[in-house]
Every structure is written in C-alpha cells, then in structure tokens.
Amino acid sequence: MPRTCFIILADQRDEEGYIPSVVTEGEYGHSPLTGTGECAAPWHWGKTWETAQDTCRQENSKLGLGVADVIDITLSSMRK
C-alpha cells in the first residue's frame, strides 16, 4: 500500500493562508486540499510559512512519517 504525506508549497496560498497538499507515493503530482462541492472551502494550515510548515510536520508525524519519509514520498511523486 503506498504511503501518503502532506506538503506545503510556497506558492499554494490565498488570503486565508497556506493550503496543504497530499502526495501519494509513486503517483505523479499532488492534490491540494481545496475541498469538494459547492460550499466547500480550502483547508488552511497557517497564515505564515513557519506555522504552515509546523502544522504539516505535526500531521505527518501523526502518520508516523519523519522528514526523510516525506522527502522520499515527495521525490517518488516527481518521477514519471
């Protein structure tokens, strides 16, 4: 079963803050957590880069993932 992780991209934000993405090991690309449906709104994990990154680390930690795991998963999503 492929692992998934969260990432924060520097350019993925709006006036409310940074929007996290989900990355799945071995699958190309990422999926921003923008919500689905007419009344859905994007997830926001902080107005500052530091807050968003800290929240991202905490959520990945809940999945049992360290920094090296996140790097491996993210790199695997960049390969074709």
PDB file of N, CA and C in Angstrom:
ATOM      1  N   MET A   1       0.852  -1.179   0.000  1.00  0.00           N
ATOM      2  CA  MET A   1       0.000   0.000   0.000  1.00  0.00           C
ATOM      3  C   MET A   1       0.899   1.244   0.000  1.00  0.00           C
ATOM      4  N   PRO A   2       0.688   2.162  -0.927  1.00  0.00           N
ATOM      5  CA  PRO A   2       1.532   3.360  -0.983  1.00  0.00           C
ATOM      6  C   PRO A   2       1.293   4.282   0.227  1.00  0.00           C
ATOM      7  N   ARG A   3       2.355   4.917   0.643  1.00  0.00           N
ATOM      8  CA  ARG A   3       2.258   5.885   1.744  1.00  0.00           C
ATOM      9  C   ARG A   3       1.775   7.224   1.197  1.00  0.00           C
ATOM     10  N   THR A   4       1.172   8.017   2.061  1.00  0.00           N
ATOM     11  CA  THR A   4       0.797   9.389   1.707  1.00  0.00           C
ATOM     12  C   THR A   4       1.389  10.332   2.747  1.00  0.00           C
ATOM     13  N   CYS A   5       1.615  11.559   2.326  1.00  0.00           N
ATOM     14  CA  CYS A   5       2.114  12.588   3.239  1.00  0.00           C
ATOM     15  C   CYS A   5       1.500  13.924   2.846  1.00  0.00           C
ATOM     16  N   PHE A   6       1.711  14.896   3.705  1.00  0.00           N
ATOM     17  CA  PHE A   6       1.287  16.263   3.441  1.00  0.00           C
ATOM     18  C   PHE A   6       2.512  17.100   3.118  1.00  0.00           C
ATOM     19  N   ILE A   7       2.316  18.075   2.228  1.00  0.00           N
ATOM     20  CA  ILE A   7       3.364  19.054   1.939  1.00  0.00           C
ATOM     21  C   ILE A   7       2.731  20.441   1.853  1.00  0.00           C
ATOM     22  N   ILE A   8       3.564  21.439   2.033  1.00  0.00           N
ATOM     23  CA  ILE A   8       3.166  22.831   1.842  1.00  0.00           C
ATOM     24  C   ILE A   8       4.035  23.395   0.736  1.00  0.00           C
ATOM     25  N   LEU A   9       3.404  23.958  -0.278  1.00  0.00           N
ATOM     26  CA  LEU A   9       4.136  24.598  -1.370  1.00  0.00           C
ATOM     27  C   LEU A   9       4.096  26.113  -1.184  1.00  0.00           C
ATOM     28  N   ALA A  10       5.200  26.761  -1.445  1.00  0.00           N
ATOM     29  CA  ALA A  10       5.320  28.199  -1.196  1.00  0.00           C
ATOM     30  C   ALA A  10       4.294  29.023  -1.959  1.00  0.00           C
ATOM     31  N   ASP A  11       3.934  28.574  -3.155  1.00  0.00           N
ATOM     32  CA  ASP A  11       3.010  29.372  -3.970  1.00  0.00           C
ATOM     33  C   ASP A  11       1.557  28.916  -3.854  1.00  0.00           C
ATOM     34  N   GLN A  12       1.288  27.990  -2.972  1.00  0.00           N
ATOM     35  CA  GLN A  12      -0.069  27.469  -2.820  1.00  0.00           C
ATOM     36  C   GLN A  12      -0.720  28.107  -1.600  1.00  0.00           C
ATOM     37  N   ARG A  13      -1.206  29.308  -1.798  1.00  0.00           N
ATOM     38  CA  ARG A  13      -1.829  30.044  -0.704  1.00  0.00           C
ATOM     39  C   ARG A  13      -2.833  31.029  -1.262  1.00  0.00           C
ATOM     40  N   ASP A  14      -3.679  31.498  -0.395  1.00  0.00           N
ATOM     41  CA  ASP A  14      -4.600  32.577  -0.736  1.00  0.00           C
ATOM     42  C   ASP A  14      -4.628  33.547   0.440  1.00  0.00           C
ATOM     43  N   GLU A  15      -5.611  34.429   0.472  1.00  0.00           N
ATOM     44  CA  GLU A  15      -5.640  35.449   1.528  1.00  0.00           C
ATOM     45  C   GLU A  15      -5.854  34.856   2.917  1.00  0.00           C
ATOM     46  N   GLU A  16      -6.322  33.623   2.992  1.00  0.00           N
ATOM     47  CA  GLU A  16      -6.544  32.966   4.280  1.00  0.00           C
ATOM     48  C   GLU A  16      -5.319  32.219   4.798  1.00  0.00           C
ATOM     49  N   GLY A  17      -4.362  31.932   3.913  1.00  0.00           N
ATOM     50  CA  GLY A  17      -3.155  31.238   4.343  1.00  0.00           C
ATOM     51  C   GLY A  17      -2.734  30.148   3.374  1.00  0.00           C
ATOM     52  N   TYR A  18      -1.850  29.284   3.854  1.00  0.00           N
ATOM     53  CA  TYR A  18      -1.272  28.212   3.043  1.00  0.00           C
ATOM     54  C   TYR A  18      -2.217  27.018   2.969  1.00  0.00           C
ATOM     55  N   ILE A  19      -2.328  26.436   1.780  1.00  0.00           N
ATOM     56  CA  ILE A  19      -3.209  25.290   1.522  1.00  0.00           C
ATOM     57  C   ILE A  19      -2.333  24.046   1.376  1.00  0.00           C
ATOM     58  N   PRO A  20      -2.514  23.051   2.243  1.00  0.00           N
ATOM     59  CA  PRO A  20      -1.695  21.833   2.157  1.00  0.00           C
ATOM     60  C   PRO A  20      -2.095  20.964   0.969  1.00  0.00           C
ATOM     61  N   SER A  21      -1.172  20.111   0.571  1.00  0.00           N
ATOM     62  CA  SER A  21      -1.422  19.119  -0.471  1.00  0.00           C
ATOM     63  C   SER A  21      -1.113  17.738   0.064  1.00  0.00           C
ATOM     64  N   VAL A  22      -1.773  16.742  -0.519  1.00  0.00           N
ATOM     65  CA  VAL A  22      -1.491  15.340  -0.225  1.00  0.00           C
ATOM     66  C   VAL A  22      -0.664  14.794  -1.377  1.00  0.00           C
ATOM     67  N   VAL A  23       0.385  14.055  -1.024  1.00  0.00           N
ATOM     68  CA  VAL A  23       1.227  13.384  -2.017  1.00  0.00           C
ATOM     69  C   VAL A  23       1.148  11.887  -1.735  1.00  0.00           C
ATOM     70  N   THR A  24       0.941  11.103  -2.787  1.00  0.00           N
ATOM     71  CA  THR A  24       0.883   9.641  -2.662  1.00  0.00           C
ATOM     72  C   THR A  24       2.115   9.040  -3.310  1.00  0.00           C
ATOM     73  N   GLU A  25       2.761   8.180  -2.578  1.00  0.00           N
ATOM     74  CA  GLU A  25       3.997   7.538  -3.026  1.00  0.00           C
ATOM     75  C   GLU A  25       3.799   6.858  -4.386  1.00  0.00           C
ATOM     76  N   GLY A  26       4.673   7.197  -5.333  1.00  0.00           N
ATOM     77  CA  GLY A  26       4.654   6.572  -6.644  1.00  0.00           C
ATOM     78  C   GLY A  26       3.629   7.136  -7.611  1.00  0.00           C
ATOM     79  N   GLU A  27       2.772   8.060  -7.156  1.00  0.00           N
ATOM     80  CA  GLU A  27       1.791   8.693  -8.038  1.00  0.00           C
ATOM     81  C   GLU A  27       2.271  10.091  -8.390  1.00  0.00           C
ATOM     82  N   TYR A  28       2.212  10.411  -9.672  1.00  0.00           N
ATOM     83  CA  TYR A  28       2.712  11.697 -10.145  1.00  0.00           C
ATOM     84  C   TYR A  28       1.858  12.846  -9.614  1.00  0.00           C
ATOM     85  N   GLY A  29       2.506  13.882  -9.134  1.00  0.00           N
ATOM     86  CA  GLY A  29       1.832  15.115  -8.727  1.00  0.00           C
ATOM     87  C   GLY A  29       1.389  15.140  -7.274  1.00  0.00           C
ATOM     88  N   HIS A  30       0.528  16.112  -6.992  1.00  0.00           N
ATOM     89  CA  HIS A  30      -0.003  16.318  -5.641  1.00  0.00           C
ATOM     90  C   HIS A  30      -1.447  16.773  -5.752  1.00  0.00           C
ATOM     91  N   SER A  31      -2.182  16.661  -4.640  1.00  0.00           N
ATOM     92  CA  SER A  31      -3.591  17.050  -4.610  1.00  0.00           C
ATOM     93  C   SER A  31      -3.805  18.102  -3.534  1.00  0.00           C
ATOM     94  N   PRO A  32      -4.000  19.368  -3.926  1.00  0.00           N
ATOM     95  CA  PRO A  32      -4.282  20.404  -2.934  1.00  0.00           C
ATOM     96  C   PRO A  32      -5.597  20.122  -2.214  1.00  0.00           C
ATOM     97  N   LEU A  33      -5.633  20.391  -0.930  1.00  0.00           N
ATOM     98  CA  LEU A  33      -6.837  20.172  -0.131  1.00  0.00           C
ATOM     99  C   LEU A  33      -7.739  21.395  -0.259  1.00  0.00           C
ATOM    100  N   THR A  34      -8.412  21.472  -1.394  1.00  0.00           N
ATOM    101  CA  THR A  34      -9.257  22.628  -1.702  1.00  0.00           C
ATOM    102  C   THR A  34     -10.723  22.374  -1.413  1.00  0.00           C
ATOM    103  N   GLY A  35     -11.060  21.184  -0.953  1.00  0.00           N
ATOM    104  CA  GLY A  35     -12.445  20.864  -0.656  1.00  0.00           C
ATOM    105  C   GLY A  35     -13.189  20.439  -1.910  1.00  0.00           C
ATOM    106  N   THR A  36     -14.350  19.837  -1.708  1.00  0.00           N
ATOM    107  CA  THR A  36     -15.181  19.431  -2.834  1.00  0.00           C
ATOM    108  C   THR A  36     -16.608  19.898  -2.599  1.00  0.00           C
ATOM    109  N   GLY A  37     -17.309  20.134  -3.656  1.00  0.00           N
ATOM    110  CA  GLY A  37     -18.696  20.569  -3.547  1.00  0.00           C
ATOM    111  C   GLY A  37     -18.831  22.078  -3.553  1.00  0.00           C
ATOM    112  N   GLU A  38     -20.054  22.516  -3.742  1.00  0.00           N
ATOM    113  CA  GLU A  38     -20.330  23.950  -3.876  1.00  0.00           C
ATOM    114  C   GLU A  38     -19.970  24.773  -2.651  1.00  0.00           C
ATOM    115  N   CYS A  39     -20.210  24.245  -1.486  1.00  0.00           N
ATOM    116  CA  CYS A  39     -19.989  25.013  -0.246  1.00  0.00           C
ATOM    117  C   CYS A  39     -18.638  24.726   0.405  1.00  0.00           C
ATOM    118  N   ALA A  40     -17.799  23.941  -0.257  1.00  0.00           N
ATOM    119  CA  ALA A  40     -16.502  23.575   0.321  1.00  0.00           C
ATOM    120  C   ALA A  40     -15.522  24.736   0.247  1.00  0.00           C
ATOM    121  N   ALA A  41     -14.634  24.764   1.190  1.00  0.00           N
ATOM    122  CA  ALA A  41     -13.571  25.765   1.218  1.00  0.00           C
ATOM    123  C   ALA A  41     -12.234  25.052   1.384  1.00  0.00           C
ATOM    124  N   PRO A  42     -11.162  25.676   0.917  1.00  0.00           N
ATOM    125  CA  PRO A  42      -9.843  25.047   1.092  1.00  0.00           C
ATOM    126  C   PRO A  42      -9.467  24.928   2.563  1.00  0.00           C
ATOM    127  N   TRP A  43      -8.639  23.931   2.849  1.00  0.00           N
ATOM    128  CA  TRP A  43      -8.033  23.826   4.167  1.00  0.00           C
ATOM    129  C   TRP A  43      -6.948  24.889   4.250  1.00  0.00           C
ATOM    130  N   HIS A  44      -6.720  25.428   5.409  1.00  0.00           N
ATOM    131  CA  HIS A  44      -5.637  26.395   5.620  1.00  0.00           C
ATOM    132  C   HIS A  44      -4.866  25.980   6.852  1.00  0.00           C
ATOM    133  N   TRP A  45      -3.534  25.907   6.700  1.00  0.00           N
ATOM    134  CA  TRP A  45      -2.700  25.450   7.809  1.00  0.00           C
ATOM    135  C   TRP A  45      -1.776  26.554   8.313  1.00  0.00           C
ATOM    136  N   GLY A  46      -2.197  27.781   8.233  1.00  0.00           N
ATOM    137  CA  GLY A  46      -1.421  28.881   8.794  1.00  0.00           C
ATOM    138  C   GLY A  46      -1.244  30.019   7.826  1.00  0.00           C
ATOM    139  N   LYS A  47      -1.232  31.211   8.369  1.00  0.00           N
ATOM    140  CA  LYS A  47      -1.015  32.405   7.540  1.00  0.00           C
ATOM    141  C   LYS A  47       0.464  32.645   7.270  1.00  0.00           C
ATOM    142  N   THR A  48       1.325  32.100   8.121  1.00  0.00           N
ATOM    143  CA  THR A  48       2.764  32.259   7.897  1.00  0.00           C
ATOM    144  C   THR A  48       3.356  30.933   7.436  1.00  0.00           C
ATOM    145  N   TRP A  49       4.477  31.030   6.733  1.00  0.00           N
ATOM    146  CA  TRP A  49       5.185  29.837   6.252  1.00  0.00           C
ATOM    147  C   TRP A  49       5.566  28.930   7.417  1.00  0.00           C
ATOM    148  N   GLU A  50       6.058  29.535   8.480  1.00  0.00           N
ATOM    149  CA  GLU A  50       6.513  28.770   9.632  1.00  0.00           C
ATOM    150  C   GLU A  50       5.368  27.991  10.288  1.00  0.00           C
ATOM    151  N   THR A  51       4.223  28.635  10.455  1.00  0.00           N
ATOM    152  CA  THR A  51       3.073  27.968  11.060  1.00  0.00           C
ATOM    153  C   THR A  51       2.584  26.833  10.175  1.00  0.00           C
ATOM    154  N   ALA A  52       2.504  27.073   8.883  1.00  0.00           N
ATOM    155  CA  ALA A  52       2.045  26.041   7.942  1.00  0.00           C
ATOM    156  C   ALA A  52       2.997  24.845   7.950  1.00  0.00           C
ATOM    157  N   GLN A  53       4.294  25.104   7.945  1.00  0.00           N
ATOM    158  CA  GLN A  53       5.279  24.025   7.969  1.00  0.00           C
ATOM    159  C   GLN A  53       5.208  23.235   9.280  1.00  0.00           C
ATOM    160  N   ASP A  54       5.020  23.935  10.384  1.00  0.00           N
ATOM    161  CA  ASP A  54       4.928  23.266  11.686  1.00  0.00           C
ATOM    162  C   ASP A  54       3.698  22.362  11.737  1.00  0.00           C
ATOM    163  N   THR A  55       2.559  22.854  11.266  1.00  0.00           N
ATOM    164  CA  THR A  55       1.342  22.044  11.224  1.00  0.00           C
ATOM    165  C   THR A  55       1.545  20.833  10.323  1.00  0.00           C
ATOM    166  N   CYS A  56       2.199  21.037   9.190  1.00  0.00           N
ATOM    167  CA  CYS A  56       2.475  19.948   8.254  1.00  0.00           C
ATOM    168  C   CYS A  56       3.339  18.867   8.917  1.00  0.00           C
ATOM    169  N   ARG A  57       4.390  19.268   9.613  1.00  0.00           N
ATOM    170  CA  ARG A  57       5.246  18.306  10.320  1.00  0.00           C
ATOM    171  C   ARG A  57       4.446  17.521  11.362  1.00  0.00           C
ATOM    172  N   GLN A  58       3.586  18.219  12.092  1.00  0.00           N
ATOM    173  CA  GLN A  58       2.771  17.563  13.115  1.00  0.00           C
ATOM    174  C   GLN A  58       1.827  16.530  12.489  1.00  0.00           C
ATOM    175  N   GLU A  59       1.191  16.891  11.389  1.00  0.00           N
ATOM    176  CA  GLU A  59       0.252  15.970  10.738  1.00  0.00           C
ATOM    177  C   GLU A  59       0.982  14.772  10.137  1.00  0.00           C
ATOM    178  N   ASN A  60       2.144  14.997   9.552  1.00  0.00           N
ATOM    179  CA  ASN A  60       2.931  13.880   9.024  1.00  0.00           C
ATOM    180  C   ASN A  60       3.410  12.975  10.160  1.00  0.00           C
ATOM    181  N   SER A  61       3.750  13.567  11.287  1.00  0.00           N
ATOM    182  CA  SER A  61       4.185  12.789  12.452  1.00  0.00           C
ATOM    183  C   SER A  61       3.062  11.875  12.939  1.00  0.00           C
ATOM    184  N   LYS A  62       1.826  12.353  12.900  1.00  0.00           N
ATOM    185  CA  LYS A  62       0.668  11.535  13.287  1.00  0.00           C
ATOM    186  C   LYS A  62       0.543  10.312  12.379  1.00  0.00           C
ATOM    187  N   LEU A  63       1.057  10.434  11.143  1.00  0.00           N
ATOM    188  CA  LEU A  63       1.038   9.315  10.200  1.00  0.00           C
ATOM    189  C   LEU A  63       2.266   8.424  10.368  1.00  0.00           C
ATOM    190  N   GLY A  64       3.132   8.778  11.327  1.00  0.00           N
ATOM    191  CA  GLY A  64       4.346   8.009  11.557  1.00  0.00           C
ATOM    192  C   GLY A  64       5.465   8.342  10.592  1.00  0.00           C
ATOM    193  N   LEU A  65       5.390   9.516   9.968  1.00  0.00           N
ATOM    194  CA  LEU A  65       6.373   9.916   8.963  1.00  0.00           C
ATOM    195  C   LEU A  65       7.320  10.973   9.489  1.00  0.00           C
ATOM    196  N   GLY A  66       8.604  10.761   9.245  1.00  0.00           N
ATOM    197  CA  GLY A  66       9.621  11.754   9.554  1.00  0.00           C
ATOM    198  C   GLY A  66       9.973  12.533   8.299  1.00  0.00           C
ATOM    199  N   VAL A  67      10.905  13.444   8.435  1.00  0.00           N
ATOM    200  CA  VAL A  67      11.316  14.288   7.309  1.00  0.00           C
ATOM    201  C   VAL A  67      11.841  13.446   6.150  1.00  0.00           C
ATOM    202  N   ALA A  68      12.662  12.437   6.441  1.00  0.00           N
ATOM    203  CA  ALA A  68      13.217  11.593   5.373  1.00  0.00           C
ATOM    204  C   ALA A  68      12.119  10.853   4.623  1.00  0.00           C
ATOM    205  N   ASP A  69      11.090  10.395   5.339  1.00  0.00           N
ATOM    206  CA  ASP A  69       9.962   9.713   4.694  1.00  0.00           C
ATOM    207  C   ASP A  69       9.233  10.660   3.739  1.00  0.00           C
ATOM    208  N   VAL A  70       8.976  11.873   4.206  1.00  0.00           N
ATOM    209  CA  VAL A  70       8.269  12.861   3.384  1.00  0.00           C
ATOM    210  C   VAL A  70       9.072  13.181   2.129  1.00  0.00           C
ATOM    211  N   ILE A  71      10.372  13.316   2.275  1.00  0.00           N
ATOM    212  CA  ILE A  71      11.229  13.575   1.109  1.00  0.00           C
ATOM    213  C   ILE A  71      11.143  12.415   0.125  1.00  0.00           C
ATOM    214  N   ASP A  72      11.239  11.192   0.617  1.00  0.00           N
ATOM    215  CA  ASP A  72      11.164  10.013  -0.256  1.00  0.00           C
ATOM    216  C   ASP A  72       9.827   9.951  -0.993  1.00  0.00           C
ATOM    217  N   ILE A  73       8.736  10.159  -0.270  1.00  0.00           N
ATOM    218  CA  ILE A  73       7.410  10.103  -0.889  1.00  0.00           C
ATOM    219  C   ILE A  73       7.274  11.207  -1.933  1.00  0.00           C
ATOM    220  N   THR A  74       7.704  12.411  -1.577  1.00  0.00           N
ATOM    221  CA  THR A  74       7.587  13.547  -2.500  1.00  0.00           C
ATOM    222  C   THR A  74       8.427  13.323  -3.752  1.00  0.00           C
ATOM    223  N   LEU A  75       9.657  12.851  -3.577  1.00  0.00           N
ATOM    224  CA  LEU A  75      10.516  12.587  -4.759  1.00  0.00           C
ATOM    225  C   LEU A  75       9.913  11.504  -5.645  1.00  0.00           C
ATOM    226  N   SER A  76       9.277  10.508  -5.032  1.00  0.00           N
ATOM    227  CA  SER A  76       8.685   9.444  -5.847  1.00  0.00           C
ATOM    228  C   SER A  76       7.516   9.973  -6.683  1.00  0.00           C
ATOM    229  N   SER A  77       6.894  11.060  -6.240  1.00  0.00           N
ATOM    230  CA  SER A  77       5.773  11.625  -6.990  1.00  0.00           C
ATOM    231  C   SER A  77       6.246  12.540  -8.118  1.00  0.00           C
ATOM    232  N   MET A  78       7.537  12.803  -8.165  1.00  0.00           N
ATOM    233  CA  MET A  78       8.082  13.679  -9.197  1.00  0.00           C
ATOM    234  C   MET A  78       8.655  12.885 -10.361  1.00  0.00           C
ATOM    235  N   ARG A  79       8.800  11.593 -10.178  1.00  0.00           N
ATOM    236  CA  ARG A  79       9.329  10.730 -11.233  1.00  0.00           C
ATOM    237  C   ARG A  79       8.198  10.249 -12.110  1.00  0.00           C
ATOM    238  N   LYS A  80       8.487  10.098 -13.384  1.00  0.00           N
ATOM    239  CA  LYS A  80       7.471   9.558 -14.290  1.00  0.00           C
ATOM    240  C   LYS A  80       7.751   8.107 -14.559  1.00  0.00           C
TER     241      LYS A  80
END
